[in-house]
PDB file of N, CA and C in Angstrom:
ATOM      1  N   MET A   1    -132.437 -63.787  15.872  1.00  0.00           N
ATOM      2  CA  MET A   1    -131.461 -62.718  15.970  1.00  0.00           C
ATOM      3  C   MET A   1    -130.067 -63.341  15.987  1.00  0.00           C
ATOM      4  N   ASN A   2    -129.246 -62.907  15.071  1.00  0.00           N
ATOM      5  CA  ASN A   2    -127.915 -63.489  14.959  1.00  0.00           C
ATOM      6  C   ASN A   2    -126.830 -62.416  14.979  1.00  0.00           C
ATOM      7  N   THR A   3    -127.120 -61.302  15.672  1.00  0.00           N
ATOM      8  CA  THR A   3    -126.126 -60.246  15.790  1.00  0.00           C
ATOM      9  C   THR A   3    -126.008 -59.798  17.242  1.00  0.00           C
ATOM     10  N   ILE A   4    -124.841 -59.254  17.555  1.00  0.00           N
ATOM     11  CA  ILE A   4    -124.642 -58.617  18.855  1.00  0.00           C
ATOM     12  C   ILE A   4    -124.021 -57.247  18.606  1.00  0.00           C
ATOM     13  N   LYS A   5    -124.036 -56.428  19.642  1.00  0.00           N
ATOM     14  CA  LYS A   5    -123.444 -55.104  19.583  1.00  0.00           C
ATOM     15  C   LYS A   5    -122.217 -55.090  20.493  1.00  0.00           C
ATOM     16  N   LEU A   6    -121.143 -54.482  20.017  1.00  0.00           N
ATOM     17  CA  LEU A   6    -119.929 -54.288  20.809  1.00  0.00           C
ATOM     18  C   LEU A   6    -119.718 -52.788  20.957  1.00  0.00           C
ATOM     19  N   THR A   7    -119.728 -52.321  22.189  1.00  0.00           N
ATOM     20  CA  THR A   7    -119.499 -50.905  22.450  1.00  0.00           C
ATOM     21  C   THR A   7    -118.129 -50.761  23.094  1.00  0.00           C
ATOM     22  N   ILE A   8    -117.255 -50.038  22.401  1.00  0.00           N
ATOM     23  CA  ILE A   8    -115.894 -49.836  22.866  1.00  0.00           C
ATOM     24  C   ILE A   8    -115.892 -48.640  23.812  1.00  0.00           C
ATOM     25  N   GLU A   9    -115.168 -48.766  24.901  1.00  0.00           N
ATOM     26  CA  GLU A   9    -115.026 -47.652  25.838  1.00  0.00           C
ATOM     27  C   GLU A   9    -114.660 -46.396  25.052  1.00  0.00           C
ATOM     28  N   GLY A  10    -115.402 -45.337  25.270  1.00  0.00           N
ATOM     29  CA  GLY A  10    -115.183 -44.113  24.513  1.00  0.00           C
ATOM     30  C   GLY A  10    -116.273 -43.874  23.488  1.00  0.00           C
ATOM     31  N   GLY A  11    -117.137 -44.885  23.261  1.00  0.00           N
ATOM     32  CA  GLY A  11    -118.332 -44.641  22.469  1.00  0.00           C
ATOM     33  C   GLY A  11    -118.458 -45.287  21.112  1.00  0.00           C
ATOM     34  N   LYS A  12    -117.402 -45.815  20.527  1.00  0.00           N
ATOM     35  CA  LYS A  12    -117.511 -46.445  19.210  1.00  0.00           C
ATOM     36  C   LYS A  12    -118.275 -47.765  19.333  1.00  0.00           C
ATOM     37  N   THR A  13    -119.265 -47.962  18.476  1.00  0.00           N
ATOM     38  CA  THR A  13    -120.085 -49.168  18.511  1.00  0.00           C
ATOM     39  C   THR A  13    -119.988 -49.905  17.182  1.00  0.00           C
ATOM     40  N   PHE A  14    -119.861 -51.223  17.290  1.00  0.00           N
ATOM     41  CA  PHE A  14    -119.856 -52.094  16.116  1.00  0.00           C
ATOM     42  C   PHE A  14    -120.961 -53.127  16.265  1.00  0.00           C
ATOM     43  N   THR A  15    -121.439 -53.624  15.144  1.00  0.00           N
ATOM     44  CA  THR A  15    -122.350 -54.763  15.119  1.00  0.00           C
ATOM     45  C   THR A  15    -121.569 -55.950  14.576  1.00  0.00           C
ATOM     46  N   ALA A  16    -121.862 -57.134  15.130  1.00  0.00           N
ATOM     47  CA  ALA A  16    -121.186 -58.345  14.669  1.00  0.00           C
ATOM     48  C   ALA A  16    -122.222 -59.413  14.352  1.00  0.00           C
ATOM     49  N   THR A  17    -121.982 -60.131  13.279  1.00  0.00           N
ATOM     50  CA  THR A  17    -122.818 -61.271  12.906  1.00  0.00           C
ATOM     51  C   THR A  17    -122.194 -62.521  13.501  1.00  0.00           C
ATOM     52  N   LEU A  18    -123.029 -63.301  14.194  1.00  0.00           N
ATOM     53  CA  LEU A  18    -122.544 -64.479  14.906  1.00  0.00           C
ATOM     54  C   LEU A  18    -122.601 -65.735  14.049  1.00  0.00           C
ATOM     55  N   GLU A  19    -121.710 -66.665  14.360  1.00  0.00           N
ATOM     56  CA  GLU A  19    -121.750 -68.011  13.799  1.00  0.00           C
ATOM     57  C   GLU A  19    -122.957 -68.744  14.383  1.00  0.00           C
ATOM     58  N   ASP A  20    -123.304 -69.849  13.790  1.00  0.00           N
ATOM     59  CA  ASP A  20    -124.381 -70.687  14.315  1.00  0.00           C
ATOM     60  C   ASP A  20    -123.737 -71.899  14.976  1.00  0.00           C
ATOM     61  N   ASN A  21    -123.469 -71.803  16.297  1.00  0.00           N
ATOM     62  CA  ASN A  21    -122.910 -72.931  17.028  1.00  0.00           C
ATOM     63  C   ASN A  21    -123.349 -72.853  18.490  1.00  0.00           C
ATOM     64  N   SER A  22    -123.031 -73.864  19.262  1.00  0.00           N
ATOM     65  CA  SER A  22    -123.471 -73.908  20.658  1.00  0.00           C
ATOM     66  C   SER A  22    -122.816 -72.811  21.494  1.00  0.00           C
ATOM     67  N   SER A  23    -121.651 -72.349  21.085  1.00  0.00           N
ATOM     68  CA  SER A  23    -120.962 -71.273  21.800  1.00  0.00           C
ATOM     69  C   SER A  23    -121.743 -69.970  21.692  1.00  0.00           C
ATOM     70  N   THR A  24    -122.169 -69.628  20.482  1.00  0.00           N
ATOM     71  CA  THR A  24    -122.913 -68.379  20.302  1.00  0.00           C
ATOM     72  C   THR A  24    -124.316 -68.477  20.894  1.00  0.00           C
ATOM     73  N   GLN A  25    -124.908 -69.665  20.858  1.00  0.00           N
ATOM     74  CA  GLN A  25    -126.217 -69.832  21.500  1.00  0.00           C
ATOM     75  C   GLN A  25    -126.108 -69.559  22.989  1.00  0.00           C
ATOM     76  N   ALA A  26    -125.062 -70.089  23.624  1.00  0.00           N
ATOM     77  CA  ALA A  26    -124.853 -69.878  25.056  1.00  0.00           C
ATOM     78  C   ALA A  26    -124.539 -68.407  25.344  1.00  0.00           C
ATOM     79  N   LEU A  27    -123.779 -67.771  24.477  1.00  0.00           N
ATOM     80  CA  LEU A  27    -123.470 -66.353  24.651  1.00  0.00           C
ATOM     81  C   LEU A  27    -124.751 -65.521  24.585  1.00  0.00           C
ATOM     82  N   LYS A  28    -125.591 -65.790  23.606  1.00  0.00           N
ATOM     83  CA  LYS A  28    -126.846 -65.037  23.486  1.00  0.00           C
ATOM     84  C   LYS A  28    -127.745 -65.264  24.703  1.00  0.00           C
ATOM     85  N   GLU A  29    -127.770 -66.492  25.220  1.00  0.00           N
ATOM     86  CA  GLU A  29    -128.563 -66.771  26.426  1.00  0.00           C
ATOM     87  C   GLU A  29    -128.073 -65.938  27.604  1.00  0.00           C
ATOM     88  N   GLN A  30    -126.765 -65.759  27.708  1.00  0.00           N
ATOM     89  CA  GLN A  30    -126.204 -64.918  28.776  1.00  0.00           C
ATOM     90  C   GLN A  30    -126.545 -63.445  28.554  1.00  0.00           C
ATOM     91  N   LEU A  31    -126.512 -63.000  27.304  1.00  0.00           N
ATOM     92  CA  LEU A  31    -126.786 -61.598  27.002  1.00  0.00           C
ATOM     93  C   LEU A  31    -128.250 -61.237  27.217  1.00  0.00           C
ATOM     94  N   VAL A  32    -129.149 -62.220  27.131  1.00  0.00           N
ATOM     95  CA  VAL A  32    -130.556 -61.964  27.453  1.00  0.00           C
ATOM     96  C   VAL A  32    -130.671 -61.512  28.909  1.00  0.00           C
ATOM     97  N   LYS A  33    -129.802 -62.036  29.765  1.00  0.00           N
ATOM     98  CA  LYS A  33    -129.808 -61.693  31.190  1.00  0.00           C
ATOM     99  C   LYS A  33    -129.207 -60.322  31.458  1.00  0.00           C
ATOM    100  N   GLY A  34    -128.406 -59.815  30.520  1.00  0.00           N
ATOM    101  CA  GLY A  34    -127.770 -58.510  30.685  1.00  0.00           C
ATOM    102  C   GLY A  34    -126.476 -58.419  29.914  1.00  0.00           C
ATOM    103  N   ASP A  35    -125.989 -57.206  29.789  1.00  0.00           N
ATOM    104  CA  ASP A  35    -124.743 -56.957  29.068  1.00  0.00           C
ATOM    105  C   ASP A  35    -123.568 -57.648  29.763  1.00  0.00           C
ATOM    106  N   ILE A  36    -122.546 -57.967  28.980  1.00  0.00           N
ATOM    107  CA  ILE A  36    -121.296 -58.514  29.502  1.00  0.00           C
ATOM    108  C   ILE A  36    -120.200 -57.491  29.223  1.00  0.00           C
ATOM    109  N   ILE A  37    -119.499 -57.096  30.280  1.00  0.00           N
ATOM    110  CA  ILE A  37    -118.387 -56.157  30.142  1.00  0.00           C
ATOM    111  C   ILE A  37    -117.089 -56.950  30.193  1.00  0.00           C
ATOM    112  N   VAL A  38    -116.259 -56.752  29.185  1.00  0.00           N
ATOM    113  CA  VAL A  38    -114.995 -57.477  29.079  1.00  0.00           C
ATOM    114  C   VAL A  38    -113.846 -56.472  29.157  1.00  0.00           C
ATOM    115  N   GLU A  39    -113.004 -56.654  30.158  1.00  0.00           N
ATOM    116  CA  GLU A  39    -111.783 -55.849  30.282  1.00  0.00           C
ATOM    117  C   GLU A  39    -110.734 -56.526  29.401  1.00  0.00           C
ATOM    118  N   MET A  40    -110.323 -55.828  28.341  1.00  0.00           N
ATOM    119  CA  MET A  40    -109.468 -56.449  27.342  1.00  0.00           C
ATOM    120  C   MET A  40    -108.086 -55.811  27.332  1.00  0.00           C
ATOM    121  N   GLU A  41    -107.091 -56.652  27.077  1.00  0.00           N
ATOM    122  CA  GLU A  41    -105.728 -56.151  26.937  1.00  0.00           C
ATOM    123  C   GLU A  41    -105.169 -56.566  25.599  1.00  0.00           C
ATOM    124  N   ASP A  42    -104.206 -55.800  25.135  1.00  0.00           N
ATOM    125  CA  ASP A  42    -103.581 -56.091  23.858  1.00  0.00           C
ATOM    126  C   ASP A  42    -102.670 -57.302  23.996  1.00  0.00           C
ATOM    127  N   TYR A  43    -102.682 -58.142  22.996  1.00  0.00           N
ATOM    128  CA  TYR A  43    -101.796 -59.297  22.990  1.00  0.00           C
ATOM    129  C   TYR A  43    -101.118 -59.380  21.630  1.00  0.00           C
ATOM    130  N   ALA A  44     -99.809 -59.329  21.620  1.00  0.00           N
ATOM    131  CA  ALA A  44     -98.972 -59.568  20.440  1.00  0.00           C
ATOM    132  C   ALA A  44     -99.278 -58.626  19.265  1.00  0.00           C
ATOM    133  N   SER A  45     -99.830 -57.469  19.546  1.00  0.00           N
ATOM    134  CA  SER A  45    -100.143 -56.477  18.502  1.00  0.00           C
ATOM    135  C   SER A  45    -100.999 -57.053  17.381  1.00  0.00           C
ATOM    136  N   MET A  46    -101.886 -58.014  17.750  1.00  0.00           N
ATOM    137  CA  MET A  46    -102.771 -58.590  16.738  1.00  0.00           C
ATOM    138  C   MET A  46    -104.187 -58.775  17.247  1.00  0.00           C
ATOM    139  N   GLU A  47    -104.396 -58.637  18.577  1.00  0.00           N
ATOM    140  CA  GLU A  47    -105.701 -58.932  19.139  1.00  0.00           C
ATOM    141  C   GLU A  47    -105.885 -58.232  20.479  1.00  0.00           C
ATOM    142  N   LYS A  48    -107.148 -58.119  20.872  1.00  0.00           N
ATOM    143  CA  LYS A  48    -107.516 -57.732  22.236  1.00  0.00           C
ATOM    144  C   LYS A  48    -108.157 -58.969  22.845  1.00  0.00           C
ATOM    145  N   VAL A  49    -107.809 -59.267  24.106  1.00  0.00           N
ATOM    146  CA  VAL A  49    -108.318 -60.468  24.761  1.00  0.00           C
ATOM    147  C   VAL A  49    -108.697 -60.143  26.198  1.00  0.00           C
ATOM    148  N   GLY A  50    -109.797 -60.760  26.647  1.00  0.00           N
ATOM    149  CA  GLY A  50    -110.223 -60.591  28.031  1.00  0.00           C
ATOM    150  C   GLY A  50    -111.207 -61.672  28.424  1.00  0.00           C
ATOM    151  N   SER A  51    -111.304 -61.906  29.720  1.00  0.00           N
ATOM    152  CA  SER A  51    -112.193 -62.951  30.227  1.00  0.00           C
ATOM    153  C   SER A  51    -113.651 -62.507  30.159  1.00  0.00           C
ATOM    154  N   LEU A  52    -114.514 -63.428  29.733  1.00  0.00           N
ATOM    155  CA  LEU A  52    -115.957 -63.184  29.727  1.00  0.00           C
ATOM    156  C   LEU A  52    -116.549 -63.255  31.130  1.00  0.00           C
ATOM    157  N   GLY A  53    -115.834 -63.909  32.048  1.00  0.00           N
ATOM    158  CA  GLY A  53    -116.366 -64.110  33.388  1.00  0.00           C
ATOM    159  C   GLY A  53    -117.309 -65.303  33.475  1.00  0.00           C
ATOM    160  N   ILE A  54    -117.490 -65.975  32.357  1.00  0.00           N
ATOM    161  CA  ILE A  54    -118.320 -67.194  32.262  1.00  0.00           C
ATOM    162  C   ILE A  54    -117.618 -68.149  31.309  1.00  0.00           C
ATOM    163  N   ARG A  55    -118.033 -69.414  31.361  1.00  0.00           N
ATOM    164  CA  ARG A  55    -117.521 -70.402  30.400  1.00  0.00           C
ATOM    165  C   ARG A  55    -118.608 -70.686  29.373  1.00  0.00           C
ATOM    166  N   LEU A  56    -118.178 -70.813  28.140  1.00  0.00           N
ATOM    167  CA  LEU A  56    -119.073 -71.174  27.040  1.00  0.00           C
ATOM    168  C   LEU A  56    -118.613 -72.502  26.457  1.00  0.00           C
ATOM    169  N   PRO A  57    -119.528 -73.236  25.825  1.00  0.00           N
ATOM    170  CA  PRO A  57    -119.112 -74.478  25.152  1.00  0.00           C
ATOM    171  C   PRO A  57    -118.078 -74.156  24.070  1.00  0.00           C
ATOM    172  N   ARG A  58    -117.115 -75.056  23.933  1.00  0.00           N
ATOM    173  CA  ARG A  58    -116.077 -74.878  22.924  1.00  0.00           C
ATOM    174  C   ARG A  58    -116.420 -75.650  21.661  1.00  0.00           C
ATOM    175  N   ASN A  59    -116.134 -75.041  20.529  1.00  0.00           N
ATOM    176  CA  ASN A  59    -116.257 -75.676  19.215  1.00  0.00           C
ATOM    177  C   ASN A  59    -114.955 -75.433  18.460  1.00  0.00           C
ATOM    178  N   ASP A  60    -113.838 -75.796  19.105  1.00  0.00           N
ATOM    179  CA  ASP A  60    -112.520 -75.487  18.550  1.00  0.00           C
ATOM    180  C   ASP A  60    -112.261 -76.237  17.248  1.00  0.00           C
ATOM    181  N   ARG A  61    -111.635 -75.524  16.335  1.00  0.00           N
ATOM    182  CA  ARG A  61    -111.111 -76.122  15.108  1.00  0.00           C
ATOM    183  C   ARG A  61    -110.012 -75.212  14.594  1.00  0.00           C
ATOM    184  N   GLN A  62    -109.135 -75.761  13.793  1.00  0.00           N
ATOM    185  CA  GLN A  62    -108.045 -74.959  13.232  1.00  0.00           C
ATOM    186  C   GLN A  62    -108.644 -73.797  12.452  1.00  0.00           C
ATOM    187  N   THR A  63    -108.242 -72.591  12.812  1.00  0.00           N
ATOM    188  CA  THR A  63    -108.845 -71.387  12.261  1.00  0.00           C
ATOM    189  C   THR A  63    -107.761 -70.375  11.949  1.00  0.00           C
ATOM    190  N   THR A  64    -107.882 -69.709  10.819  1.00  0.00           N
ATOM    191  CA  THR A  64    -107.040 -68.564  10.515  1.00  0.00           C
ATOM    192  C   THR A  64    -107.911 -67.330  10.646  1.00  0.00           C
ATOM    193  N   THR A  65    -107.504 -66.422  11.514  1.00  0.00           N
ATOM    194  CA  THR A  65    -108.301 -65.235  11.797  1.00  0.00           C
ATOM    195  C   THR A  65    -107.930 -64.089  10.867  1.00  0.00           C
ATOM    196  N   GLY A  66    -108.810 -63.114  10.851  1.00  0.00           N
ATOM    197  CA  GLY A  66    -108.566 -61.865  10.135  1.00  0.00           C
ATOM    198  C   GLY A  66    -109.154 -60.724  10.933  1.00  0.00           C
ATOM    199  N   PRO A  67    -108.925 -59.495  10.499  1.00  0.00           N
ATOM    200  CA  PRO A  67    -109.448 -58.342  11.211  1.00  0.00           C
ATOM    201  C   PRO A  67    -110.969 -58.422  11.394  1.00  0.00           C
ATOM    202  N   GLY A  68    -111.402 -58.221  12.639  1.00  0.00           N
ATOM    203  CA  GLY A  68    -112.831 -58.245  12.952  1.00  0.00           C
ATOM    204  C   GLY A  68    -113.354 -59.573  13.426  1.00  0.00           C
ATOM    205  N   ASP A  69    -112.532 -60.618  13.368  1.00  0.00           N
ATOM    206  CA  ASP A  69    -112.995 -61.922  13.837  1.00  0.00           C
ATOM    207  C   ASP A  69    -113.156 -61.913  15.354  1.00  0.00           C
ATOM    208  N   LEU A  70    -114.249 -62.515  15.812  1.00  0.00           N
ATOM    209  CA  LEU A  70    -114.520 -62.687  17.234  1.00  0.00           C
ATOM    210  C   LEU A  70    -114.310 -64.148  17.566  1.00  0.00           C
ATOM    211  N   ILE A  71    -113.467 -64.413  18.554  1.00  0.00           N
ATOM    212  CA  ILE A  71    -113.019 -65.767  18.863  1.00  0.00           C
ATOM    213  C   ILE A  71    -113.226 -66.057  20.345  1.00  0.00           C
ATOM    214  N   LEU A  72    -113.585 -67.303  20.641  1.00  0.00           N
ATOM    215  CA  LEU A  72    -113.596 -67.808  22.008  1.00  0.00           C
ATOM    216  C   LEU A  72    -112.335 -68.643  22.173  1.00  0.00           C
ATOM    217  N   TYR A  73    -111.544 -68.310  23.192  1.00  0.00           N
ATOM    218  CA  TYR A  73    -110.296 -69.025  23.433  1.00  0.00           C
ATOM    219  C   TYR A  73    -110.364 -69.664  24.806  1.00  0.00           C
ATOM    220  N   GLN A  74    -110.120 -70.949  24.873  1.00  0.00           N
ATOM    221  CA  GLN A  74    -110.114 -71.739  26.102  1.00  0.00           C
ATOM    222  C   GLN A  74    -111.456 -71.701  26.838  1.00  0.00           C
ATOM    223  N   GLY A  75    -112.525 -71.413  26.125  1.00  0.00           N
ATOM    224  CA  GLY A  75    -113.866 -71.494  26.700  1.00  0.00           C
ATOM    225  C   GLY A  75    -114.318 -70.296  27.499  1.00  0.00           C
ATOM    226  N   HIS A  76    -113.388 -69.371  27.817  1.00  0.00           N
ATOM    227  CA  HIS A  76    -113.814 -68.230  28.635  1.00  0.00           C
ATOM    228  C   HIS A  76    -113.186 -66.899  28.233  1.00  0.00           C
ATOM    229  N   ASN A  77    -112.259 -66.902  27.296  1.00  0.00           N
ATOM    230  CA  ASN A  77    -111.641 -65.657  26.840  1.00  0.00           C
ATOM    231  C   ASN A  77    -112.280 -65.190  25.537  1.00  0.00           C
ATOM    232  N   PHE A  78    -112.657 -63.925  25.517  1.00  0.00           N
ATOM    233  CA  PHE A  78    -113.233 -63.292  24.333  1.00  0.00           C
ATOM    234  C   PHE A  78    -112.120 -62.535  23.633  1.00  0.00           C
ATOM    235  N   VAL A  79    -111.978 -62.753  22.323  1.00  0.00           N
ATOM    236  CA  VAL A  79    -110.886 -62.159  21.565  1.00  0.00           C
ATOM    237  C   VAL A  79    -111.447 -61.421  20.357  1.00  0.00           C
ATOM    238  N   ILE A  80    -110.962 -60.192  20.168  1.00  0.00           N
ATOM    239  CA  ILE A  80    -111.252 -59.429  18.954  1.00  0.00           C
ATOM    240  C   ILE A  80    -109.939 -59.311  18.193  1.00  0.00           C
ATOM    241  N   TYR A  81    -109.895 -59.855  16.995  1.00  0.00           N
ATOM    242  CA  TYR A  81    -108.686 -59.781  16.171  1.00  0.00           C
ATOM    243  C   TYR A  81    -108.706 -58.535  15.303  1.00  0.00           C
ATOM    244  N   TYR A  82    -107.544 -57.913  15.189  1.00  0.00           N
ATOM    245  CA  TYR A  82    -107.382 -56.853  14.198  1.00  0.00           C
ATOM    246  C   TYR A  82    -106.226 -57.176  13.261  1.00  0.00           C
ATOM    247  N   ASP A  83    -105.712 -58.407  13.361  1.00  0.00           N
ATOM    248  CA  ASP A  83    -104.684 -58.901  12.447  1.00  0.00           C
ATOM    249  C   ASP A  83    -104.917 -60.407  12.285  1.00  0.00           C
ATOM    250  N   THR A  84    -103.990 -61.102  11.666  1.00  0.00           N
ATOM    251  CA  THR A  84    -104.182 -62.528  11.396  1.00  0.00           C
ATOM    252  C   THR A  84    -103.437 -63.393  12.396  1.00  0.00           C
ATOM    253  N   ASN A  85    -103.976 -64.595  12.589  1.00  0.00           N
ATOM    254  CA  ASN A  85    -103.356 -65.609  13.434  1.00  0.00           C
ATOM    255  C   ASN A  85    -103.974 -66.942  13.028  1.00  0.00           C
ATOM    256  N   SER A  86    -103.288 -68.019  13.332  1.00  0.00           N
ATOM    257  CA  SER A  86    -103.820 -69.340  13.037  1.00  0.00           C
ATOM    258  C   SER A  86    -103.610 -70.229  14.250  1.00  0.00           C
ATOM    259  N   TRP A  87    -104.705 -70.841  14.732  1.00  0.00           N
ATOM    260  CA  TRP A  87    -104.656 -71.666  15.929  1.00  0.00           C
ATOM    261  C   TRP A  87    -105.952 -72.451  16.004  1.00  0.00           C
ATOM    262  N   SER A  88    -106.096 -73.269  17.024  1.00  0.00           N
ATOM    263  CA  SER A  88    -107.345 -74.004  17.253  1.00  0.00           C
ATOM    264  C   SER A  88    -108.239 -73.161  18.172  1.00  0.00           C
ATOM    265  N   PHE A  89    -109.253 -72.559  17.582  1.00  0.00           N
ATOM    266  CA  PHE A  89    -110.151 -71.631  18.262  1.00  0.00           C
ATOM    267  C   PHE A  89    -111.598 -72.018  18.024  1.00  0.00           C
ATOM    268  N   THR A  90    -112.485 -71.355  18.754  1.00  0.00           N
ATOM    269  CA  THR A  90    -113.917 -71.384  18.454  1.00  0.00           C
ATOM    270  C   THR A  90    -114.278 -70.037  17.842  1.00  0.00           C
ATOM    271  N   ARG A  91    -114.750 -70.069  16.627  1.00  0.00           N
ATOM    272  CA  ARG A  91    -115.167 -68.837  15.959  1.00  0.00           C
ATOM    273  C   ARG A  91    -116.558 -68.447  16.471  1.00  0.00           C
ATOM    274  N   LEU A  92    -116.665 -67.211  16.978  1.00  0.00           N
ATOM    275  CA  LEU A  92    -117.958 -66.707  17.454  1.00  0.00           C
ATOM    276  C   LEU A  92    -118.667 -65.872  16.394  1.00  0.00           C
ATOM    277  N   GLY A  93    -117.907 -65.134  15.614  1.00  0.00           N
ATOM    278  CA  GLY A  93    -118.528 -64.276  14.607  1.00  0.00           C
ATOM    279  C   GLY A  93    -117.525 -63.313  14.019  1.00  0.00           C
ATOM    280  N   LYS A  94    -118.060 -62.258  13.386  1.00  0.00           N
ATOM    281  CA  LYS A  94    -117.211 -61.264  12.738  1.00  0.00           C
ATOM    282  C   LYS A  94    -117.891 -59.907  12.829  1.00  0.00           C
ATOM    283  N   ILE A  95    -117.096 -58.889  13.141  1.00  0.00           N
ATOM    284  CA  ILE A  95    -117.597 -57.521  13.166  1.00  0.00           C
ATOM    285  C   ILE A  95    -117.942 -57.116  11.736  1.00  0.00           C
ATOM    286  N   ASP A  96    -119.118 -56.527  11.596  1.00  0.00           N
ATOM    287  CA  ASP A  96    -119.625 -56.145  10.273  1.00  0.00           C
ATOM    288  C   ASP A  96    -118.985 -54.839   9.792  1.00  0.00           C
ATOM    289  N   ASN A  97    -118.559 -54.830   8.559  1.00  0.00           N
ATOM    290  CA  ASN A  97    -118.168 -53.608   7.853  1.00  0.00           C
ATOM    291  C   ASN A  97    -117.149 -52.748   8.592  1.00  0.00           C
ATOM    292  N   ALA A  98    -116.102 -53.360   9.120  1.00  0.00           N
ATOM    293  CA  ALA A  98    -115.046 -52.601   9.792  1.00  0.00           C
ATOM    294  C   ALA A  98    -113.695 -52.983   9.199  1.00  0.00           C
ATOM    295  N   THR A  99    -112.930 -51.981   8.852  1.00  0.00           N
ATOM    296  CA  THR A  99    -111.598 -52.232   8.314  1.00  0.00           C
ATOM    297  C   THR A  99    -110.607 -52.445   9.457  1.00  0.00           C
ATOM    298  N   GLN A 100    -109.454 -52.965   9.113  1.00  0.00           N
ATOM    299  CA  GLN A 100    -108.395 -53.155  10.099  1.00  0.00           C
ATOM    300  C   GLN A 100    -108.029 -51.819  10.743  1.00  0.00           C
ATOM    301  N   ALA A 101    -107.923 -50.768   9.943  1.00  0.00           N
ATOM    302  CA  ALA A 101    -107.570 -49.443  10.469  1.00  0.00           C
ATOM    303  C   ALA A 101    -108.643 -48.929  11.427  1.00  0.00           C
ATOM    304  N   GLU A 102    -109.908 -49.120  11.099  1.00  0.00           N
ATOM    305  CA  GLU A 102    -110.997 -48.681  11.980  1.00  0.00           C
ATOM    306  C   GLU A 102    -110.971 -49.431  13.311  1.00  0.00           C
ATOM    307  N   LEU A 103    -110.705 -50.735  13.243  1.00  0.00           N
ATOM    308  CA  LEU A 103    -110.634 -51.533  14.467  1.00  0.00           C
ATOM    309  C   LEU A 103    -109.474 -51.090  15.347  1.00  0.00           C
ATOM    310  N   LYS A 104    -108.306 -50.888  14.746  1.00  0.00           N
ATOM    311  CA  LYS A 104    -107.140 -50.450  15.516  1.00  0.00           C
ATOM    312  C   LYS A 104    -107.398 -49.088  16.157  1.00  0.00           C
ATOM    313  N   ALA A 105    -108.021 -48.193  15.419  1.00  0.00           N
ATOM    314  CA  ALA A 105    -108.302 -46.855  15.950  1.00  0.00           C
ATOM    315  C   ALA A 105    -109.291 -46.930  17.120  1.00  0.00           C
ATOM    316  N   ALA A 106    -110.320 -47.761  16.992  1.00  0.00           N
ATOM    317  CA  ALA A 106    -111.342 -47.867  18.034  1.00  0.00           C
ATOM    318  C   ALA A 106    -110.822 -48.576  19.278  1.00  0.00           C
ATOM    319  N   LEU A 107    -110.012 -49.613  19.085  1.00  0.00           N
ATOM    320  CA  LEU A 107    -109.535 -50.421  20.205  1.00  0.00           C
ATOM    321  C   LEU A 107    -108.321 -49.813  20.902  1.00  0.00           C
ATOM    322  N   GLY A 108    -107.594 -48.948  20.206  1.00  0.00           N
ATOM    323  CA  GLY A 108    -106.452 -48.280  20.804  1.00  0.00           C
ATOM    324  C   GLY A 108    -105.257 -49.197  20.988  1.00  0.00           C
ATOM    325  N   LYS A 109    -104.238 -48.674  21.658  1.00  0.00           N
ATOM    326  CA  LYS A 109    -102.979 -49.406  21.816  1.00  0.00           C
ATOM    327  C   LYS A 109    -102.891 -50.165  23.134  1.00  0.00           C
ATOM    328  N   GLY A 110    -103.643 -49.766  24.142  1.00  0.00           N
ATOM    329  CA  GLY A 110    -103.528 -50.401  25.453  1.00  0.00           C
ATOM    330  C   GLY A 110    -104.776 -51.186  25.810  1.00  0.00           C
ATOM    331  N   ASP A 111    -105.057 -51.223  27.102  1.00  0.00           N
ATOM    332  CA  ASP A 111    -106.233 -51.922  27.595  1.00  0.00           C
ATOM    333  C   ASP A 111    -107.497 -51.160  27.204  1.00  0.00           C
ATOM    334  N   VAL A 112    -108.589 -51.898  27.063  1.00  0.00           N
ATOM    335  CA  VAL A 112    -109.855 -51.285  26.678  1.00  0.00           C
ATOM    336  C   VAL A 112    -111.007 -52.090  27.274  1.00  0.00           C
ATOM    337  N   ARG A 113    -112.091 -51.423  27.574  1.00  0.00           N
ATOM    338  CA  ARG A 113    -113.305 -52.076  28.068  1.00  0.00           C
ATOM    339  C   ARG A 113    -114.302 -52.164  26.918  1.00  0.00           C
ATOM    340  N   VAL A 114    -114.822 -53.381  26.696  1.00  0.00           N
ATOM    341  CA  VAL A 114    -115.803 -53.607  25.629  1.00  0.00           C
ATOM    342  C   VAL A 114    -117.062 -54.182  26.267  1.00  0.00           C
ATOM    343  N   THR A 115    -118.202 -53.596  25.913  1.00  0.00           N
ATOM    344  CA  THR A 115    -119.484 -54.090  26.410  1.00  0.00           C
ATOM    345  C   THR A 115    -120.185 -54.835  25.292  1.00  0.00           C
ATOM    346  N   LEU A 116    -120.549 -56.096  25.574  1.00  0.00           N
ATOM    347  CA  LEU A 116    -121.298 -56.933  24.643  1.00  0.00           C
ATOM    348  C   LEU A 116    -122.770 -56.852  25.007  1.00  0.00           C
ATOM    349  N   SER A 117    -123.621 -56.664  24.009  1.00  0.00           N
ATOM    350  CA  SER A 117    -125.054 -56.618  24.253  1.00  0.00           C
ATOM    351  C   SER A 117    -125.795 -57.141  23.045  1.00  0.00           C
ATOM    352  N   LEU A 118    -127.053 -57.458  23.251  1.00  0.00           N
ATOM    353  CA  LEU A 118    -127.874 -57.890  22.127  1.00  0.00           C
ATOM    354  C   LEU A 118    -128.171 -56.689  21.263  1.00  0.00           C
ATOM    355  N   ASP A 119    -128.149 -56.893  19.965  1.00  0.00           N
ATOM    356  CA  ASP A 119    -128.361 -55.810  19.017  1.00  0.00           C
ATOM    357  C   ASP A 119    -129.841 -55.452  18.947  1.00  0.00           C
TER     358      ASP A 119
END
């Protein structure tokens, strides 16, 4: 299984395909134990970011993000991008079949709660 489900507060659900790395393996191991709820806030009008409450192994490399990219930042922050950025990140995966407009509409302008679960 190489997908997870992201449920946005308010009911919108997305599926994401994960990368194959030690970070996603550790994330899936945590999700077997139960869902992870991430309280996310908007950052720089390009992403939502929030703490996972756990640390995952880092596989940082220079990365340019796009809408729908799921990123691990500093080993414990979960990031959903709805715009572009370039930095040294760990790529976790990408939301399947979602446009930038759909992501912005689902995530809203302020803080949002996202629940991660196994698909």
